[in-house]
C-alpha atoms as a PDB file:
ATOM      1  CA  MET A   1      81.178 -13.057  -4.095  1.00  0.00           C
ATOM      2  CA  ASN A   2      77.759 -13.764  -5.618  1.00  0.00           C
ATOM      3  CA  THR A   3      77.526 -15.856  -8.754  1.00  0.00           C
ATOM      4  CA  LEU A   4      78.271 -13.854 -11.893  1.00  0.00           C
ATOM      5  CA  ASN A   5      75.827 -14.779 -14.647  1.00  0.00           C
ATOM      6  CA  ILE A   6      76.892 -14.222 -18.256  1.00  0.00           C
ATOM      7  CA  ASP A   7      73.986 -14.443 -20.686  1.00  0.00           C
ATOM      8  CA  ILE A   8      74.724 -12.951 -24.100  1.00  0.00           C
ATOM      9  CA  LYS A   9      71.838 -13.388 -26.494  1.00  0.00           C
ATOM     10  CA  SER A  10      73.553 -11.667 -29.396  1.00  0.00           C
ATOM     11  CA  LYS A  11      76.582  -9.542 -30.231  1.00  0.00           C
ATOM     12  CA  ALA A  12      76.891  -8.256 -33.790  1.00  0.00           C
ATOM     13  CA  PHE A  13      79.072  -5.883 -35.799  1.00  0.00           C
ATOM     14  CA  THR A  14      78.275  -3.850 -38.893  1.00  0.00           C
ATOM     15  CA  THR A  15      80.967  -4.136 -41.569  1.00  0.00           C
ATOM     16  CA  ALA A  16      82.213  -1.316 -43.783  1.00  0.00           C
ATOM     17  CA  ASP A  17      79.899  -2.486 -46.574  1.00  0.00           C
ATOM     18  CA  LYS A  18      76.898  -2.356 -44.190  1.00  0.00           C
ATOM     19  CA  HIS A  19      76.577  -6.088 -43.606  1.00  0.00           C
ATOM     20  CA  THR A  20      75.716  -7.320 -40.104  1.00  0.00           C
ATOM     21  CA  VAL A  21      77.940 -10.068 -38.708  1.00  0.00           C
ATOM     22  CA  THR A  22      76.875 -11.892 -35.541  1.00  0.00           C
ATOM     23  CA  VAL A  23      79.904 -13.008 -33.522  1.00  0.00           C
ATOM     24  CA  ILE A  24      78.191 -14.272 -30.337  1.00  0.00           C
ATOM     25  CA  GLU A  25      74.770 -15.893 -30.058  1.00  0.00           C
ATOM     26  CA  ASP A  26      73.140 -17.565 -27.036  1.00  0.00           C
ATOM     27  CA  LEU A  27      76.308 -17.826 -24.976  1.00  0.00           C
ATOM     28  CA  GLN A  28      75.743 -18.531 -21.278  1.00  0.00           C
ATOM     29  CA  PHE A  29      77.879 -19.594 -18.314  1.00  0.00           C
ATOM     30  CA  LYS A  30      78.443 -18.692 -14.644  1.00  0.00           C
ATOM     31  CA  LEU A  31      81.405 -17.795 -12.446  1.00  0.00           C
ATOM     32  CA  SER A  32      81.559 -18.147  -8.661  1.00  0.00           C
ATOM     33  CA  ASN A  33      83.731 -19.122  -5.687  1.00  0.00           C
ATOM     34  CA  ASN A  34      86.923 -17.453  -6.957  1.00  0.00           C
ATOM     35  CA  GLU A  35      87.261 -19.855  -9.865  1.00  0.00           C
ATOM     36  CA  PHE A  36      90.011 -19.779 -12.473  1.00  0.00           C
ATOM     37  CA  VAL A  37      88.241 -20.411 -15.791  1.00  0.00           C
ATOM     38  CA  CYS A  38      89.898 -20.634 -19.199  1.00  0.00           C
ATOM     39  CA  ILE A  39      88.060 -19.830 -22.439  1.00  0.00           C
ATOM     40  CA  ILE A  40      89.181 -21.787 -25.508  1.00  0.00           C
ATOM     41  CA  GLY A  41      87.919 -21.258 -29.036  1.00  0.00           C
ATOM     42  CA  PRO A  42      89.030 -20.662 -32.630  1.00  0.00           C
ATOM     43  CA  SER A  43      90.378 -17.345 -33.877  1.00  0.00           C
ATOM     44  CA  GLY A  44      87.691 -14.787 -34.657  1.00  0.00           C
ATOM     45  CA  CYS A  45      84.994 -16.446 -32.542  1.00  0.00           C
ATOM     46  CA  GLY A  46      84.463 -13.417 -30.290  1.00  0.00           C
ATOM     47  CA  LYS A  47      86.586 -14.206 -27.221  1.00  0.00           C
ATOM     48  CA  THR A  48      87.873 -10.639 -26.902  1.00  0.00           C
ATOM     49  CA  SER A  49      84.375  -9.297 -27.567  1.00  0.00           C
ATOM     50  CA  LEU A  50      83.135 -11.474 -24.708  1.00  0.00           C
ATOM     51  CA  LEU A  51      85.722 -10.028 -22.303  1.00  0.00           C
ATOM     52  CA  ASN A  52      84.941  -6.475 -23.417  1.00  0.00           C
ATOM     53  CA  ILE A  53      81.245  -7.043 -22.719  1.00  0.00           C
ATOM     54  CA  ILE A  54      81.931  -8.441 -19.240  1.00  0.00           C
ATOM     55  CA  ALA A  55      84.287  -5.522 -18.522  1.00  0.00           C
ATOM     56  CA  GLY A  56      81.569  -3.051 -19.488  1.00  0.00           C
ATOM     57  CA  LEU A  57      83.666  -1.669 -22.355  1.00  0.00           C
ATOM     58  CA  ASP A  58      81.103  -2.775 -24.938  1.00  0.00           C
ATOM     59  CA  LYS A  59      77.440  -2.222 -24.134  1.00  0.00           C
ATOM     60  CA  ARG A  60      76.145  -2.800 -27.665  1.00  0.00           C
ATOM     61  CA  PHE A  61      74.831  -6.325 -27.194  1.00  0.00           C
ATOM     62  CA  SER A  62      71.634  -8.137 -26.343  1.00  0.00           C
ATOM     63  CA  GLY A  63      71.643  -9.955 -23.016  1.00  0.00           C
ATOM     64  CA  SER A  64      72.997  -9.357 -19.532  1.00  0.00           C
ATOM     65  CA  VAL A  65      76.033  -9.718 -17.276  1.00  0.00           C
ATOM     66  CA  SER A  66      74.934  -9.569 -13.646  1.00  0.00           C
ATOM     67  CA  LEU A  67      75.367 -10.918 -10.147  1.00  0.00           C
ATOM     68  CA  SER A  68      72.846 -13.314  -8.673  1.00  0.00           C
ATOM     69  CA  GLU A  69      71.905 -10.698  -6.079  1.00  0.00           C
ATOM     70  CA  ALA A  70      69.902  -8.164  -8.063  1.00  0.00           C
ATOM     71  CA  GLY A  71      71.225  -4.616  -8.102  1.00  0.00           C
ATOM     72  CA  THR A  72      74.689  -5.536  -6.821  1.00  0.00           C
ATOM     73  CA  GLN A  73      77.595  -4.070  -8.777  1.00  0.00           C
ATOM     74  CA  PHE A  74      80.812  -5.954  -9.487  1.00  0.00           C
ATOM     75  CA  LYS A  75      84.318  -4.658 -10.164  1.00  0.00           C
ATOM     76  CA  THR A  76      86.551  -5.891 -12.975  1.00  0.00           C
ATOM     77  CA  SER A  77      90.235  -5.621 -13.770  1.00  0.00           C
ATOM     78  CA  TYR A  78      91.595  -6.390 -17.229  1.00  0.00           C
ATOM     79  CA  ILE A  79      94.968  -7.635 -18.489  1.00  0.00           C
ATOM     80  CA  PHE A  80      95.152  -7.229 -22.256  1.00  0.00           C
ATOM     81  CA  GLN A  81      97.097  -9.206 -24.842  1.00  0.00           C
ATOM     82  CA  ASN A  82      99.404  -6.201 -25.221  1.00  0.00           C
ATOM     83  CA  PRO A  83     100.837  -4.969 -21.871  1.00  0.00           C
ATOM     84  CA  ARG A  84      99.608  -1.416 -22.694  1.00  0.00           C
ATOM     85  CA  LEU A  85     102.102   0.365 -20.480  1.00  0.00           C
ATOM     86  CA  LEU A  86     102.320   4.119 -20.950  1.00  0.00           C
ATOM     87  CA  PRO A  87     105.884   4.763 -22.200  1.00  0.00           C
ATOM     88  CA  TRP A  88     106.218   8.133 -20.465  1.00  0.00           C
ATOM     89  CA  ARG A  89     105.395   6.690 -17.014  1.00  0.00           C
ATOM     90  CA  THR A  90     107.532   4.506 -14.773  1.00  0.00           C
ATOM     91  CA  VAL A  91     106.558   1.006 -13.661  1.00  0.00           C
ATOM     92  CA  LEU A  92     105.283   2.427 -10.368  1.00  0.00           C
ATOM     93  CA  GLU A  93     103.259   5.139 -12.117  1.00  0.00           C
ATOM     94  CA  ASN A  94     101.746   2.691 -14.612  1.00  0.00           C
ATOM     95  CA  ILE A  95     100.491   0.506 -11.779  1.00  0.00           C
ATOM     96  CA  GLN A  96      99.228   3.461  -9.765  1.00  0.00           C
ATOM     97  CA  LEU A  97      96.925   4.358 -12.676  1.00  0.00           C
ATOM     98  CA  ALA A  98      95.013   1.113 -12.143  1.00  0.00           C
ATOM     99  CA  SER A  99      93.786   2.075  -8.694  1.00  0.00           C
ATOM    100  CA  ASN A 100      90.036   2.396  -8.207  1.00  0.00           C
ATOM    101  CA  GLU A 101      90.598   4.055  -4.839  1.00  0.00           C
ATOM    102  CA  GLN A 102      91.282   7.715  -4.080  1.00  0.00           C
ATOM    103  CA  ALA A 103      94.759   7.026  -2.694  1.00  0.00           C
ATOM    104  CA  ASN A 104      97.405   4.600  -3.906  1.00  0.00           C
ATOM    105  CA  ASN A 105      99.020   1.969  -1.702  1.00  0.00           C
ATOM    106  CA  ASP A 106     102.644   2.016  -2.830  1.00  0.00           C
ATOM    107  CA  THR A 107     103.574  -0.607  -0.244  1.00  0.00           C
ATOM    108  CA  LYS A 108     101.187  -3.055  -1.921  1.00  0.00           C
ATOM    109  CA  ILE A 109     102.659  -2.229  -5.339  1.00  0.00           C
ATOM    110  CA  ILE A 110     106.202  -2.823  -4.073  1.00  0.00           C
ATOM    111  CA  GLN A 111     105.152  -6.158  -2.544  1.00  0.00           C
ATOM    112  CA  LEU A 112     103.564  -7.230  -5.833  1.00  0.00           C
ATOM    113  CA  LEU A 113     106.689  -6.288  -7.777  1.00  0.00           C
ATOM    114  CA  GLN A 114     108.872  -8.154  -5.282  1.00  0.00           C
ATOM    115  CA  ARG A 115     106.798 -11.307  -5.784  1.00  0.00           C
ATOM    116  CA  LEU A 116     107.215 -10.900  -9.547  1.00  0.00           C
ATOM    117  CA  GLY A 117     110.960 -10.287  -9.390  1.00  0.00           C
ATOM    118  CA  LEU A 118     110.635  -6.648 -10.445  1.00  0.00           C
ATOM    119  CA  ALA A 119     111.542  -4.780  -7.257  1.00  0.00           C
ATOM    120  CA  ASP A 120     114.596  -3.229  -8.954  1.00  0.00           C
ATOM    121  CA  SER A 121     112.461  -1.939 -11.856  1.00  0.00           C
ATOM    122  CA  LEU A 122     110.134   0.254  -9.808  1.00  0.00           C
ATOM    123  CA  ASN A 123     111.361   3.494 -11.395  1.00  0.00           C
ATOM    124  CA  SER A 124     112.170   2.079 -14.835  1.00  0.00           C
ATOM    125  CA  TYR A 125     110.330   3.052 -17.999  1.00  0.00           C
ATOM    126  CA  PRO A 126     108.682   0.369 -20.187  1.00  0.00           C
ATOM    127  CA  HIS A 127     111.265   0.629 -22.998  1.00  0.00           C
ATOM    128  CA  HIS A 128     113.943  -0.464 -20.512  1.00  0.00           C
ATOM    129  CA  LEU A 129     112.096  -3.739 -19.876  1.00  0.00           C
ATOM    130  CA  SER A 130     111.931  -6.962 -21.865  1.00  0.00           C
ATOM    131  CA  LEU A 131     108.543  -8.151 -23.119  1.00  0.00           C
ATOM    132  CA  GLY A 132     108.450 -10.756 -20.359  1.00  0.00           C
ATOM    133  CA  MET A 133     109.081  -8.077 -17.736  1.00  0.00           C
ATOM    134  CA  GLN A 134     106.410  -5.821 -19.260  1.00  0.00           C
ATOM    135  CA  ARG A 135     103.905  -8.679 -19.042  1.00  0.00           C
ATOM    136  CA  ARG A 136     104.785  -9.155 -15.362  1.00  0.00           C
ATOM    137  CA  VAL A 137     104.165  -5.447 -14.784  1.00  0.00           C
ATOM    138  CA  ALA A 138     100.760  -5.917 -16.437  1.00  0.00           C
ATOM    139  CA  LEU A 139     100.094  -8.816 -14.036  1.00  0.00           C
ATOM    140  CA  ALA A 140     100.990  -6.607 -11.075  1.00  0.00           C
ATOM    141  CA  ARG A 141      98.702  -3.867 -12.378  1.00  0.00           C
ATOM    142  CA  GLY A 142      95.821  -6.316 -12.840  1.00  0.00           C
ATOM    143  CA  PHE A 143      96.147  -7.697  -9.306  1.00  0.00           C
ATOM    144  CA  TYR A 144      96.712  -4.276  -7.764  1.00  0.00           C
ATOM    145  CA  ARG A 145      93.277  -3.140  -8.850  1.00  0.00           C
ATOM    146  CA  GLU A 146      90.618  -4.344  -6.398  1.00  0.00           C
ATOM    147  CA  SER A 147      88.114  -6.432  -8.348  1.00  0.00           C
ATOM    148  CA  ASP A 148      85.663  -9.302  -8.209  1.00  0.00           C
ATOM    149  CA  ILE A 149      86.771 -10.684 -11.563  1.00  0.00           C
ATOM    150  CA  LEU A 150      90.073 -10.476 -13.412  1.00  0.00           C
ATOM    151  CA  LEU A 151      89.805 -10.686 -17.204  1.00  0.00           C
ATOM    152  CA  MET A 152      92.892 -11.870 -19.091  1.00  0.00           C
ATOM    153  CA  ASP A 153      93.115 -11.839 -22.892  1.00  0.00           C
ATOM    154  CA  GLU A 154      96.018 -14.104 -23.899  1.00  0.00           C
ATOM    155  CA  PRO A 155      98.353 -12.181 -21.566  1.00  0.00           C
ATOM    156  CA  LEU A 156     101.302 -14.568 -22.022  1.00  0.00           C
ATOM    157  CA  VAL A 157     101.189 -14.935 -25.808  1.00  0.00           C
ATOM    158  CA  SER A 158     104.522 -14.629 -27.694  1.00  0.00           C
ATOM    159  CA  LEU A 159     106.654 -15.394 -24.640  1.00  0.00           C
ATOM    160  CA  ASP A 160     109.291 -18.096 -25.032  1.00  0.00           C
ATOM    161  CA  PRO A 161     108.375 -21.368 -23.255  1.00  0.00           C
ATOM    162  CA  PRO A 162     110.612 -20.945 -20.143  1.00  0.00           C
ATOM    163  CA  THR A 163     109.446 -17.360 -19.594  1.00  0.00           C
ATOM    164  CA  ALA A 164     105.798 -18.317 -20.141  1.00  0.00           C
ATOM    165  CA  ARG A 165     106.138 -21.220 -17.694  1.00  0.00           C
ATOM    166  CA  LYS A 166     107.575 -18.921 -15.035  1.00  0.00           C
ATOM    167  CA  ALA A 167     104.835 -16.340 -15.698  1.00  0.00           C
ATOM    168  CA  ARG A 168     102.118 -18.985 -15.274  1.00  0.00           C
ATOM    169  CA  THR A 169     103.616 -20.037 -11.935  1.00  0.00           C
ATOM    170  CA  LEU A 170     103.703 -16.428 -10.760  1.00  0.00           C
ATOM    171  CA  LEU A 171     100.128 -15.896 -11.957  1.00  0.00           C
ATOM    172  CA  ILE A 172      98.814 -18.830  -9.916  1.00  0.00           C
ATOM    173  CA  GLU A 173     100.746 -17.670  -6.847  1.00  0.00           C
ATOM    174  CA  LEU A 174      99.237 -14.177  -7.110  1.00  0.00           C
ATOM    175  CA  TRP A 175      95.739 -15.569  -7.660  1.00  0.00           C
ATOM    176  CA  GLN A 176      96.015 -17.855  -4.630  1.00  0.00           C
ATOM    177  CA  GLN A 177      97.202 -14.929  -2.494  1.00  0.00           C
ATOM    178  CA  GLN A 178      94.545 -12.518  -3.801  1.00  0.00           C
ATOM    179  CA  ALA A 179      91.522 -14.708  -4.487  1.00  0.00           C
ATOM    180  CA  ARG A 180      89.032 -13.594  -7.139  1.00  0.00           C
ATOM    181  CA  ASN A 181      87.324 -15.058 -10.182  1.00  0.00           C
ATOM    182  CA  VAL A 182      89.617 -15.180 -13.220  1.00  0.00           C
ATOM    183  CA  LEU A 183      88.489 -15.499 -16.843  1.00  0.00           C
ATOM    184  CA  PHE A 184      91.523 -16.290 -18.999  1.00  0.00           C
ATOM    185  CA  VAL A 185      91.427 -16.492 -22.809  1.00  0.00           C
ATOM    186  CA  THR A 186      94.030 -18.719 -24.477  1.00  0.00           C
ATOM    187  CA  HIS A 187      94.615 -20.735 -27.653  1.00  0.00           C
ATOM    188  CA  ASP A 188      97.001 -23.051 -25.783  1.00  0.00           C
ATOM    189  CA  LEU A 189      95.161 -26.057 -24.341  1.00  0.00           C
ATOM    190  CA  ASP A 190      98.210 -27.158 -22.314  1.00  0.00           C
ATOM    191  CA  GLU A 191      98.341 -23.703 -20.731  1.00  0.00           C
ATOM    192  CA  ALA A 192      94.599 -23.814 -20.020  1.00  0.00           C
ATOM    193  CA  ILE A 193      94.808 -27.214 -18.308  1.00  0.00           C
ATOM    194  CA  GLU A 194      97.802 -26.109 -16.249  1.00  0.00           C
ATOM    195  CA  LEU A 195      95.969 -22.998 -15.007  1.00  0.00           C
ATOM    196  CA  ALA A 196      92.242 -23.630 -14.866  1.00  0.00           C
ATOM    197  CA  ASP A 197      89.637 -25.056 -12.526  1.00  0.00           C
ATOM    198  CA  ARG A 198      87.283 -25.213 -15.522  1.00  0.00           C
ATOM    199  CA  LEU A 199      87.661 -25.160 -19.308  1.00  0.00           C
ATOM    200  CA  ILE A 200      84.924 -23.493 -21.359  1.00  0.00           C
ATOM    201  CA  PHE A 201      85.094 -24.392 -25.042  1.00  0.00           C
ATOM    202  CA  ILE A 202      83.241 -22.062 -27.388  1.00  0.00           C
ATOM    203  CA  SER A 203      82.347 -22.612 -31.016  1.00  0.00           C
ATOM    204  CA  SER A 204      83.309 -20.703 -34.129  1.00  0.00           C
ATOM    205  CA  SER A 205      81.329 -17.549 -34.835  1.00  0.00           C
ATOM    206  CA  PRO A 206      78.523 -16.996 -33.939  1.00  0.00           C
ATOM    207  CA  SER A 207      79.943 -18.474 -30.765  1.00  0.00           C
ATOM    208  CA  HIS A 208      78.192 -20.348 -27.988  1.00  0.00           C
ATOM    209  CA  VAL A 209      79.386 -22.692 -25.232  1.00  0.00           C
ATOM    210  CA  VAL A 210      80.147 -26.160 -26.582  1.00  0.00           C
ATOM    211  CA  ALA A 211      81.482 -27.690 -23.362  1.00  0.00           C
ATOM    212  CA  ASP A 212      82.163 -26.701 -19.753  1.00  0.00           C
ATOM    213  CA  ILE A 213      84.674 -29.153 -18.276  1.00  0.00           C
ATOM    214  CA  LYS A 214      86.195 -29.380 -14.793  1.00  0.00           C
ATOM    215  CA  VAL A 215      89.952 -29.946 -14.613  1.00  0.00           C
ATOM    216  CA  ASP A 216      90.202 -32.679 -11.990  1.00  0.00           C
ATOM    217  CA  ILE A 217      94.008 -32.793 -11.704  1.00  0.00           C
ATOM    218  CA  ALA A 218      95.269 -31.562  -8.331  1.00  0.00           C
ATOM    219  CA  ARG A 219      97.199 -28.304  -8.755  1.00  0.00           C
ATOM    220  CA  GLY A 220     100.397 -29.811  -7.424  1.00  0.00           C
ATOM    221  CA  GLU A 221     100.230 -32.658  -9.955  1.00  0.00           C
ATOM    222  CA  ARG A 222      99.845 -30.784 -13.251  1.00  0.00           C
ATOM    223  CA  SER A 223     102.983 -32.139 -14.855  1.00  0.00           C
ATOM    224  CA  ALA A 224     103.433 -32.315 -18.638  1.00  0.00           C
ATOM    225  CA  LYS A 225     102.656 -36.049 -18.449  1.00  0.00           C
ATOM    226  CA  ASN A 226      99.399 -35.600 -16.510  1.00  0.00           C
ATOM    227  CA  ILE A 227      98.311 -32.723 -18.746  1.00  0.00           C
ATOM    228  CA  GLU A 228      98.886 -34.885 -21.824  1.00  0.00           C
ATOM    229  CA  GLN A 229      96.868 -37.730 -20.280  1.00  0.00           C
ATOM    230  CA  PHE A 230      94.022 -35.323 -19.520  1.00  0.00           C
ATOM    231  CA  LYS A 231      94.064 -34.122 -23.136  1.00  0.00           C
ATOM    232  CA  GLN A 232      93.913 -37.699 -24.399  1.00  0.00           C
ATOM    233  CA  GLN A 233      90.932 -38.410 -22.150  1.00  0.00           C
ATOM    234  CA  LEU A 234      89.149 -35.334 -23.469  1.00  0.00           C
ATOM    235  CA  SER A 235      89.882 -36.309 -27.048  1.00  0.00           C
ATOM    236  CA  SER A 236      88.512 -39.819 -26.580  1.00  0.00           C
ATOM    237  CA  GLN A 237      85.507 -38.932 -24.411  1.00  0.00           C
ATOM    238  CA  ARG A 238      84.358 -35.607 -25.872  1.00  0.00           C
ATOM    239  CA  THR A 239      84.075 -35.850 -29.644  1.00  0.00           C
ATOM    240  CA  ASP A 240      82.107 -32.583 -29.607  1.00  0.00           C
ATOM    241  CA  ILE A 241      85.252 -30.584 -28.797  1.00  0.00           C
ATOM    242  CA  ALA A 242      87.867 -32.584 -30.718  1.00  0.00           C
ATOM    243  CA  HIS A 243      87.958 -29.939 -33.464  1.00  0.00           C
ATOM    244  CA  LEU A 244      88.662 -27.228 -30.862  1.00  0.00           C
ATOM    245  CA  MET A 245      91.631 -28.982 -29.231  1.00  0.00           C
END
């Protein structure tokens, strides 16, 4: 894939009392080489707005999101904070809706569900599933859709620690099997270090990039101890992001 360039000059909202509030200003970074990048920033700083802009859901901003090769289009898939499964459709049918092709590949869907431990839930409806299972269905739907970049907006929030840990392991396995750029929003720095190739810290609103940091721990060595050591190094070496950690 070409390098994806994100350059948002300004994103603003108009409040009910007609005031203009700028949530993003002069925010720039790049994605390439099937990277897994985590975005970290305070509540209300525009992280979801950023994902919506990249996804093409929000075009009311100043700036650009484009590939390095001019005129080339890129495909996105999006996993939201809420699983957003249609209650009147089965697991299989919910995933089929994500296809950007004319015909669905049910074999691929079944393989994804098998990897996620959901093979027996193919014909179940969302209300028959636990929240953790619904989030795994959302993961399958996100990876089923062919895309250049997968956007993830706190997709594992509210899960209990063992379930979240298992979901993170499954997420990395899927990403390694179906390589693409991933942009993952989280408030959990431990989660970000466990998952990411790079950490992008953004400021409070109007947000901009404060730091772009490579996670230099080998993926097979991201134990709780090594993650804690990495956090301590960041805290001591990068005073500019201490308030965001």
